[in-house]
């Protein structure tokens, strides 16, 4: 990874060079041509990102640029800026690309550079990318511009409206290129459509705090600390995120991660309280842990509610037995029997000790349960 310090720091990730070289080789079919195409892509992407970054800096922000797999990112916290400033920061990326295209075209008309295919390709690439990038599909700049405009008039709902427009546009473009047998472009826009759908589904739970750049960056730092094994730092960051976000996707993620860390450190009651707060948006691992902790707390209704998702996350005998015991405690015979069958299928050798537990007293006299016990004894 290459880092270039300066007023606008630049980070170039190795995957950028890999994708640029792959595209270059597909177009040139030669080593020299590939290297030239890598240069064209590098200049084009960097010039585009400087359009965003310089405008953000002009408006008093501290941007940084990252060149990644399929292009670049300009990272800055512009959420507190007026919408018209956000609009110009976004617009100036494609505008700088168009300026670069015009510059290449102008130079190609100078006799010294006349007929230079590099300038011709630089012109074509930047014209093409400027047009494509203005299509109103997120995460393209056109989609970002639409989002900014719609948020100006509709508030938080504007984000969802922009995603829906982007989804429809991306699907239409994708199907068109598939019909034209341009499968690469078709697949790319189908991916954009899928991303729009996933973002739209998530956006229904988004709050204003989820839009704050400083909280998103703090979440990334917390997750990085977690990966690096810096548990205390990660926990401190997750606690701070909970306090600052209060609700929304960032709050939910921080709450779950903190709950899982408390669980790993043996603070089971604290973990239970945290995961209980975020139970509507639990990931699989958190669902499995809450299923276990809720059983310990004798919250059998919650155990029953989580049983299917917990078993899907981890198909263990213990999950099936906890689920069976919980359903028995709330008087639901058939689900209790079903989970006992699931425990047997997962390798439980004998039910004798299990069904003798007081957990099954509420359903012990039920005829269906009696029949199940009788059958189980006959077929151990």
Protein backbone atom coordinates (compact mmCIF):
# COMPACT_ATOMS: atom_id res chain seq x y z
CA UNK A 1 0.00 0.00 0.00
CA UNK A 2 1.34 3.41 -1.00
CA UNK A 3 0.69 6.48 1.17
CA UNK A 4 1.42 9.96 -0.14
CA UNK A 5 1.28 12.63 2.59
CA UNK A 6 0.34 16.22 1.93
CA UNK A 7 -2.51 18.72 2.25
CA UNK A 8 -4.70 16.03 0.65
CA UNK A 9 -3.27 12.64 1.72
CA UNK A 10 -3.49 9.89 -0.88
CA UNK A 11 -3.59 6.15 -0.20
CA UNK A 12 -3.22 3.70 -3.10
CA UNK A 13 -4.20 0.15 -2.24
CA UNK A 14 -2.55 -2.78 -4.07
CA UNK A 15 -5.90 -3.97 -5.42
CA UNK A 16 -6.17 -0.71 -7.43
CA UNK A 17 -3.06 -1.65 -9.45
CA UNK A 18 -4.34 -5.20 -9.93
CA UNK A 19 -7.69 -4.09 -11.35
CA UNK A 20 -6.09 -1.33 -13.45
CA UNK A 21 -3.60 -3.84 -14.90
CA UNK A 22 -6.38 -6.34 -15.61
CA UNK A 23 -8.42 -3.73 -17.48
CA UNK A 24 -5.30 -2.55 -19.31
CA UNK A 25 -4.38 -6.05 -20.44
CA UNK A 26 -7.92 -6.79 -21.63
CA UNK A 27 -7.79 -3.71 -23.86
CA UNK A 28 -4.18 -3.86 -25.05
CA UNK A 29 -3.16 -7.54 -24.92
CA UNK A 30 0.45 -6.46 -24.36
CA UNK A 31 2.74 -5.64 -21.44
CA UNK A 32 3.63 -2.15 -22.70
CA UNK A 33 0.00 -1.41 -23.49
CA UNK A 34 -1.02 -2.63 -20.05
CA UNK A 35 1.46 -0.27 -18.36
CA UNK A 36 0.22 2.67 -20.43
CA UNK A 37 -3.38 1.84 -19.59
CA UNK A 38 -2.52 1.65 -15.90
CA UNK A 39 -1.14 5.18 -16.24
CA UNK A 40 -4.28 6.39 -18.03
CA UNK A 41 -6.54 4.88 -15.37
CA UNK A 42 -4.38 6.23 -12.53
CA UNK A 43 -4.38 9.80 -13.93
CA UNK A 44 -8.11 9.69 -14.72
CA UNK A 45 -9.22 8.38 -11.34
CA UNK A 46 -6.86 10.66 -9.39
CA UNK A 47 -7.93 13.74 -11.38
CA UNK A 48 -11.58 12.89 -10.75
CA UNK A 49 -11.01 12.48 -7.00
CA UNK A 50 -9.08 15.73 -6.85
CA UNK A 51 -12.23 17.41 -8.16
CA UNK A 52 -14.07 16.23 -5.06
CA UNK A 53 -11.16 16.78 -2.68
CA UNK A 54 -10.16 20.29 -3.76
CA UNK A 55 -13.77 21.46 -3.56
CA UNK A 56 -14.16 19.93 -0.10
CA UNK A 57 -10.93 21.64 1.00
CA UNK A 58 -12.18 24.94 -0.42
CA UNK A 59 -15.24 24.56 1.83
CA UNK A 60 -13.05 24.05 4.90
CA UNK A 61 -12.93 20.26 5.09
CA UNK A 62 -9.92 17.95 5.45
CA UNK A 63 -10.34 15.42 2.65
CA UNK A 64 -8.23 12.38 1.90
CA UNK A 65 -8.19 10.22 -1.21
CA UNK A 66 -8.08 6.43 -1.44
CA UNK A 67 -7.65 4.56 -4.71
CA UNK A 68 -9.35 1.18 -4.39
CA UNK A 69 -10.42 -1.74 -6.58
CA UNK A 70 -12.91 -0.16 -8.96
CA UNK A 71 -11.89 3.48 -8.70
CA UNK A 72 -11.38 6.00 -5.95
CA UNK A 73 -12.89 7.46 -2.80
CA UNK A 74 -12.67 10.97 -1.43
CA UNK A 75 -13.34 10.82 2.29
CA UNK A 76 -14.50 13.94 4.09
CA UNK A 77 -17.18 14.90 6.58
CA UNK A 78 -19.56 17.08 4.59
CA UNK A 79 -22.77 16.21 6.43
CA UNK A 80 -22.74 19.52 8.30
CA UNK A 81 -22.39 21.52 5.07
CA UNK A 82 -25.35 23.14 3.30
CA UNK A 83 -26.82 20.98 0.56
CA UNK A 84 -25.55 23.26 -2.20
CA UNK A 85 -21.95 22.80 -1.01
CA UNK A 86 -22.40 19.02 -0.83
CA UNK A 87 -23.80 19.19 -4.37
CA UNK A 88 -20.75 21.03 -5.75
CA UNK A 89 -18.30 18.73 -3.96
CA UNK A 90 -19.97 15.77 -5.67
CA UNK A 91 -20.44 17.46 -9.06
CA UNK A 92 -16.83 18.60 -9.37
CA UNK A 93 -15.54 15.03 -9.62
CA UNK A 94 -17.21 14.40 -13.00
CA UNK A 95 -16.51 18.03 -13.97
CA UNK A 96 -12.77 17.57 -13.44
CA UNK A 97 -12.96 14.37 -15.49
CA UNK A 98 -14.61 16.30 -18.32
CA UNK A 99 -11.91 19.01 -18.07
CA UNK A 100 -9.24 16.31 -18.36
CA UNK A 101 -11.01 14.91 -21.43
CA UNK A 102 -11.11 18.36 -23.06
CA UNK A 103 -7.44 18.90 -22.21
CA UNK A 104 -6.49 15.61 -23.87
CA UNK A 105 -8.58 16.52 -26.92
CA UNK A 106 -6.96 19.97 -27.09
CA UNK A 107 -3.45 18.56 -26.85
CA UNK A 108 -4.21 16.03 -29.57
CA UNK A 109 -4.90 18.96 -31.93
CA UNK A 110 -1.42 20.38 -31.35
CA UNK A 111 0.91 19.26 -34.14
CA UNK A 112 3.51 18.01 -31.69
CA UNK A 113 1.02 15.51 -30.23
CA UNK A 114 -1.12 14.93 -33.30
CA UNK A 115 -2.10 11.27 -33.72
CA UNK A 116 -1.03 10.25 -30.21
CA UNK A 117 -3.30 7.33 -29.32
CA UNK A 118 -2.67 7.83 -25.57
CA UNK A 119 -4.35 11.25 -25.72
CA UNK A 120 -7.19 9.79 -27.80
CA UNK A 121 -7.79 7.04 -25.23
CA UNK A 122 -7.48 9.51 -22.35
CA UNK A 123 -10.18 11.61 -24.03
CA UNK A 124 -12.47 8.61 -24.66
CA UNK A 125 -12.04 7.15 -21.18
CA UNK A 126 -12.84 10.40 -19.39
CA UNK A 127 -15.78 11.28 -21.64
CA UNK A 128 -17.22 7.82 -21.16
CA UNK A 129 -16.65 7.77 -17.40
CA UNK A 130 -18.03 11.28 -16.95
CA UNK A 131 -21.27 10.31 -18.70
CA UNK A 132 -21.59 6.97 -16.89
CA UNK A 133 -20.75 8.52 -13.53
CA UNK A 134 -23.64 10.98 -13.88
CA UNK A 135 -26.24 8.21 -14.20
CA UNK A 136 -28.54 8.54 -11.15
CA UNK A 137 -27.50 5.23 -9.60
CA UNK A 138 -25.79 4.96 -6.23
CA UNK A 139 -22.86 4.76 -5.53
CA UNK A 140 -22.11 6.73 -8.73
CA UNK A 141 -21.84 10.51 -8.45
CA UNK A 142 -25.11 10.91 -10.34
CA UNK A 143 -26.83 8.89 -7.63
CA UNK A 144 -25.15 11.00 -4.96
CA UNK A 145 -26.31 14.21 -6.66
CA UNK A 146 -29.87 12.89 -6.81
CA UNK A 147 -29.69 11.88 -3.15
CA UNK A 148 -28.52 15.37 -2.12
CA UNK A 149 -31.32 17.06 -4.07
CA UNK A 150 -34.03 14.73 -2.75
CA UNK A 151 -32.77 15.02 0.82
CA UNK A 152 -32.95 18.80 0.46
CA UNK A 153 -36.68 18.54 -0.22
CA UNK A 154 -37.74 15.34 1.57
CA UNK A 155 -35.25 14.99 4.43
CA UNK A 156 -34.21 11.46 5.42
CA UNK A 157 -36.83 9.99 3.08
CA UNK A 158 -34.93 11.51 0.17
CA UNK A 159 -32.16 8.96 0.66
CA UNK A 160 -34.64 6.10 0.24
CA UNK A 161 -36.22 7.76 -2.80
CA UNK A 162 -32.77 8.10 -4.43
CA UNK A 163 -32.05 4.44 -3.78
CA UNK A 164 -35.34 3.38 -5.34
CA UNK A 165 -34.71 5.52 -8.45
CA UNK A 166 -31.19 4.09 -8.65
CA UNK A 167 -32.50 0.53 -8.32
CA UNK A 168 -34.95 1.00 -11.20
CA UNK A 169 -32.35 2.73 -13.42
CA UNK A 170 -29.65 0.14 -12.70
CA UNK A 171 -31.98 -2.78 -13.46
CA UNK A 172 -33.11 -1.15 -16.71
CA UNK A 173 -29.53 -0.46 -17.85
CA UNK A 174 -28.42 -3.93 -16.78
CA UNK A 175 -31.17 -5.68 -18.79
CA UNK A 176 -30.44 -3.48 -21.81
CA UNK A 177 -26.76 -4.43 -21.88
CA UNK A 178 -27.55 -8.09 -21.26
CA UNK A 179 -29.86 -8.00 -24.29
CA UNK A 180 -27.08 -6.30 -26.27
CA UNK A 181 -24.75 -9.10 -25.04
CA UNK A 182 -22.46 -6.63 -23.26
CA UNK A 183 -22.31 -8.90 -20.26
CA UNK A 184 -19.56 -7.11 -18.30
CA UNK A 185 -21.42 -3.77 -18.20
CA UNK A 186 -24.71 -5.60 -17.61
CA UNK A 187 -23.22 -7.46 -14.65
CA UNK A 188 -21.74 -4.23 -13.24
CA UNK A 189 -25.10 -2.45 -13.25
CA UNK A 190 -26.84 -5.53 -11.90
CA UNK A 191 -24.37 -5.33 -8.99
CA UNK A 192 -25.28 -1.65 -8.56
CA UNK A 193 -28.96 -2.62 -8.52
CA UNK A 194 -28.33 -5.22 -5.83
CA UNK A 195 -26.34 -2.70 -3.77
CA UNK A 196 -29.18 -0.17 -4.10
CA UNK A 197 -31.69 -2.76 -2.93
CA UNK A 198 -29.57 -3.75 0.07
CA UNK A 199 -28.96 -0.10 0.98
CA UNK A 200 -32.67 0.68 0.57
CA UNK A 201 -33.58 -2.20 2.86
CA UNK A 202 -31.06 -1.02 5.45
CA UNK A 203 -32.04 2.64 5.06
CA UNK A 204 -35.46 1.95 6.57
CA UNK A 205 -33.66 1.60 9.89
CA UNK A 206 -31.26 4.50 9.41
CA UNK A 207 -31.26 7.48 11.74
CA UNK A 208 -29.63 10.88 11.44
CA UNK A 209 -26.64 9.62 13.45
CA UNK A 210 -25.91 7.01 10.75
CA UNK A 211 -25.15 9.83 8.33
CA UNK A 212 -22.44 11.39 10.47
CA UNK A 213 -18.98 10.82 9.01
CA UNK A 214 -17.20 11.04 12.38
CA UNK A 215 -19.35 8.21 13.79
CA UNK A 216 -18.78 6.05 10.73
CA UNK A 217 -15.03 6.58 11.02
CA UNK A 218 -15.18 5.77 14.74
CA UNK A 219 -16.99 2.52 13.92
CA UNK A 220 -14.25 1.60 11.43
CA UNK A 221 -11.57 2.32 14.05
CA UNK A 222 -13.42 0.17 16.60
CA UNK A 223 -13.67 -2.73 14.15
CA UNK A 224 -9.98 -2.35 13.22
CA UNK A 225 -9.04 -2.42 16.91
CA UNK A 226 -11.13 -5.57 17.30
CA UNK A 227 -9.34 -7.28 14.40
CA UNK A 228 -5.96 -6.29 15.86
CA UNK A 229 -6.91 -7.75 19.26
CA UNK A 230 -6.99 -4.36 21.02
CA UNK A 231 -10.09 -5.33 23.00
CA UNK A 232 -10.05 -2.53 25.59
CA UNK A 233 -9.77 0.14 22.90
CA UNK A 234 -12.50 -1.49 20.82
CA UNK A 235 -14.85 -1.66 23.82
CA UNK A 236 -14.21 1.99 24.69
CA UNK A 237 -15.00 3.04 21.11
CA UNK A 238 -18.16 0.93 20.99
CA UNK A 239 -19.35 2.48 24.28
CA UNK A 240 -18.69 5.95 22.91
CA UNK A 241 -20.60 5.11 19.73
CA UNK A 242 -23.61 3.95 21.77
CA UNK A 243 -23.64 7.17 23.73
CA UNK A 244 -23.31 9.41 20.69
CA UNK A 245 -25.64 7.63 18.28
CA UNK A 246 -28.48 6.63 20.68
CA UNK A 247 -30.29 4.68 17.94
CA UNK A 248 -29.95 3.53 14.34
CA UNK A 249 -27.63 1.14 12.51
CA UNK A 250 -24.38 2.39 14.05
CA UNK A 251 -25.90 2.16 17.54
CA UNK A 252 -27.14 -1.36 16.81
CA UNK A 253 -23.74 -2.52 15.49
CA UNK A 254 -21.87 -0.99 18.44
CA UNK A 255 -24.33 -2.49 20.94
CA UNK A 256 -24.05 -5.98 19.49
CA UNK A 257 -20.26 -5.90 19.28
CA UNK A 258 -20.02 -4.64 22.84
CA UNK A 259 -22.44 -7.32 24.00
CA UNK A 260 -20.40 -10.06 22.33
CA UNK A 261 -17.18 -8.74 23.88
CA UNK A 262 -18.76 -8.64 27.35
CA UNK A 263 -19.94 -12.22 26.80
CA UNK A 264 -16.43 -13.34 25.84
CA UNK A 265 -15.06 -11.73 29.02
CA UNK A 266 -17.58 -13.58 31.17
CA UNK A 267 -19.83 -10.61 31.95
CA UNK A 268 -22.95 -12.53 31.04
CA UNK A 269 -25.55 -10.29 32.69
CA UNK A 270 -24.11 -7.18 31.04
CA UNK A 271 -23.97 -8.98 27.69
CA UNK A 272 -27.59 -10.10 28.08
CA UNK A 273 -28.78 -6.56 28.80
CA UNK A 274 -26.90 -5.16 25.79
CA UNK A 275 -28.05 -7.79 23.31
CA UNK A 276 -31.60 -7.51 24.61
CA UNK A 277 -31.56 -3.82 23.66
CA UNK A 278 -30.57 -4.62 20.08
CA UNK A 279 -32.57 -7.83 19.63
CA UNK A 280 -34.52 -6.57 16.59
CA UNK A 281 -31.38 -6.27 14.44
CA UNK A 282 -29.18 -9.11 15.69
CA UNK A 283 -26.63 -10.79 13.45
CA UNK A 284 -26.38 -14.59 13.61
CA UNK A 285 -23.60 -14.75 16.21
CA UNK A 286 -25.39 -12.31 18.51
CA UNK A 287 -28.66 -14.23 18.10
CA UNK A 288 -26.95 -17.45 19.16
CA UNK A 289 -25.44 -15.80 22.24
CA UNK A 290 -28.69 -14.08 23.26
CA UNK A 291 -30.53 -17.40 22.86
CA UNK A 292 -28.14 -18.93 25.39
CA UNK A 293 -28.24 -16.00 27.81
CA UNK A 294 -32.02 -15.65 27.64
CA UNK A 295 -32.34 -19.33 28.60
CA UNK A 296 -30.10 -18.72 31.62
CA UNK A 297 -32.31 -15.76 32.57
CA UNK A 298 -35.42 -17.95 32.13
CA UNK A 299 -36.82 -15.65 29.48
CA UNK A 300 -38.38 -18.63 27.74
CA UNK A 301 -40.60 -16.61 25.42
CA UNK A 302 -37.53 -14.89 23.96
CA UNK A 303 -35.70 -18.22 23.66
CA UNK A 304 -38.63 -19.60 21.69
CA UNK A 305 -38.74 -16.53 19.45
CA UNK A 306 -35.01 -16.81 18.69
CA UNK A 307 -34.92 -20.60 18.35
CA UNK A 308 -35.09 -20.93 14.54
CA UNK A 309 -32.53 -18.19 13.83
CA UNK A 310 -30.20 -19.41 16.58
CA UNK A 311 -30.31 -22.97 15.21
CA UNK A 312 -29.70 -21.68 11.71
CA UNK A 313 -26.63 -19.84 13.00
CA UNK A 314 -25.31 -22.85 14.92
CA UNK A 315 -26.88 -26.27 14.50
CA UNK A 316 -25.86 -27.71 17.86
CA UNK A 317 -27.58 -30.10 20.22
CA UNK A 318 -27.57 -27.47 22.98
CA UNK A 319 -29.49 -24.98 20.83
CA UNK A 320 -32.16 -27.57 20.06
CA UNK A 321 -32.44 -28.60 23.73
CA UNK A 322 -32.72 -25.02 24.95
CA UNK A 323 -35.42 -24.40 22.37
CA UNK A 324 -37.29 -27.57 23.38
CA UNK A 325 -37.15 -26.67 27.06
CA UNK A 326 -38.33 -23.11 26.37
CA UNK A 327 -41.33 -24.24 24.33
CA UNK A 328 -42.18 -26.75 27.05
CA UNK A 329 -42.09 -24.01 29.67
CA UNK A 330 -44.54 -21.85 27.71
CA UNK A 331 -46.81 -24.84 27.15
CA UNK A 332 -46.30 -25.43 23.43
CA UNK A 333 -46.09 -29.18 23.06
CA UNK A 334 -45.57 -29.75 19.35
CA UNK A 335 -42.64 -27.29 18.95
CA UNK A 336 -41.04 -28.79 22.09
CA UNK A 337 -41.29 -32.29 20.61
CA UNK A 338 -39.98 -30.99 17.26
CA UNK A 339 -36.90 -29.53 18.90
CA UNK A 340 -36.27 -32.75 20.80
CA UNK A 341 -36.34 -34.57 17.45
CA UNK A 342 -33.85 -31.99 16.13
CA UNK A 343 -31.55 -32.68 19.10
CA UNK A 344 -31.62 -36.41 18.30
CA UNK A 345 -30.82 -35.69 14.66
CA UNK A 346 -27.83 -33.59 15.75
CA UNK A 347 -26.34 -36.47 17.73
CA UNK A 348 -28.07 -36.59 21.13
CA UNK A 349 -27.74 -40.22 22.22
CA UNK A 350 -30.37 -40.45 24.97
CA UNK A 351 -33.44 -38.47 25.98
CA UNK A 352 -33.94 -40.10 29.40
CA UNK A 353 -32.13 -37.48 31.46
CA UNK A 354 -33.43 -34.64 29.31
CA UNK A 355 -37.15 -35.43 29.52
CA UNK A 356 -36.83 -36.11 33.25
CA UNK A 357 -35.96 -32.44 33.77
CA UNK A 358 -38.49 -30.21 35.49
CA UNK A 359 -38.43 -28.06 32.36
CA UNK A 360 -40.93 -30.47 30.82
CA UNK A 361 -43.34 -30.57 33.77
CA UNK A 362 -45.82 -28.14 32.12
CA UNK A 363 -46.37 -30.56 29.21
CA UNK A 364 -45.56 -33.91 30.86
CA UNK A 365 -49.18 -35.02 31.12
CA UNK A 366 -50.01 -34.05 27.54
CA UNK A 367 -50.98 -37.06 25.41
CA UNK A 368 -48.72 -36.03 22.52
CA UNK A 369 -45.74 -35.72 24.84
CA UNK A 370 -46.55 -39.06 26.50
CA UNK A 371 -46.70 -40.72 23.09
CA UNK A 372 -43.36 -39.13 22.16
CA UNK A 373 -41.75 -40.43 25.37
CA UNK A 374 -43.13 -43.90 24.78
CA UNK A 375 -41.85 -43.97 21.21
CA UNK A 376 -38.43 -42.63 22.25
CA UNK A 377 -38.06 -45.39 24.87
CA UNK A 378 -38.97 -48.06 22.34
CA UNK A 379 -36.51 -46.68 19.79
CA UNK A 380 -33.52 -45.46 21.81
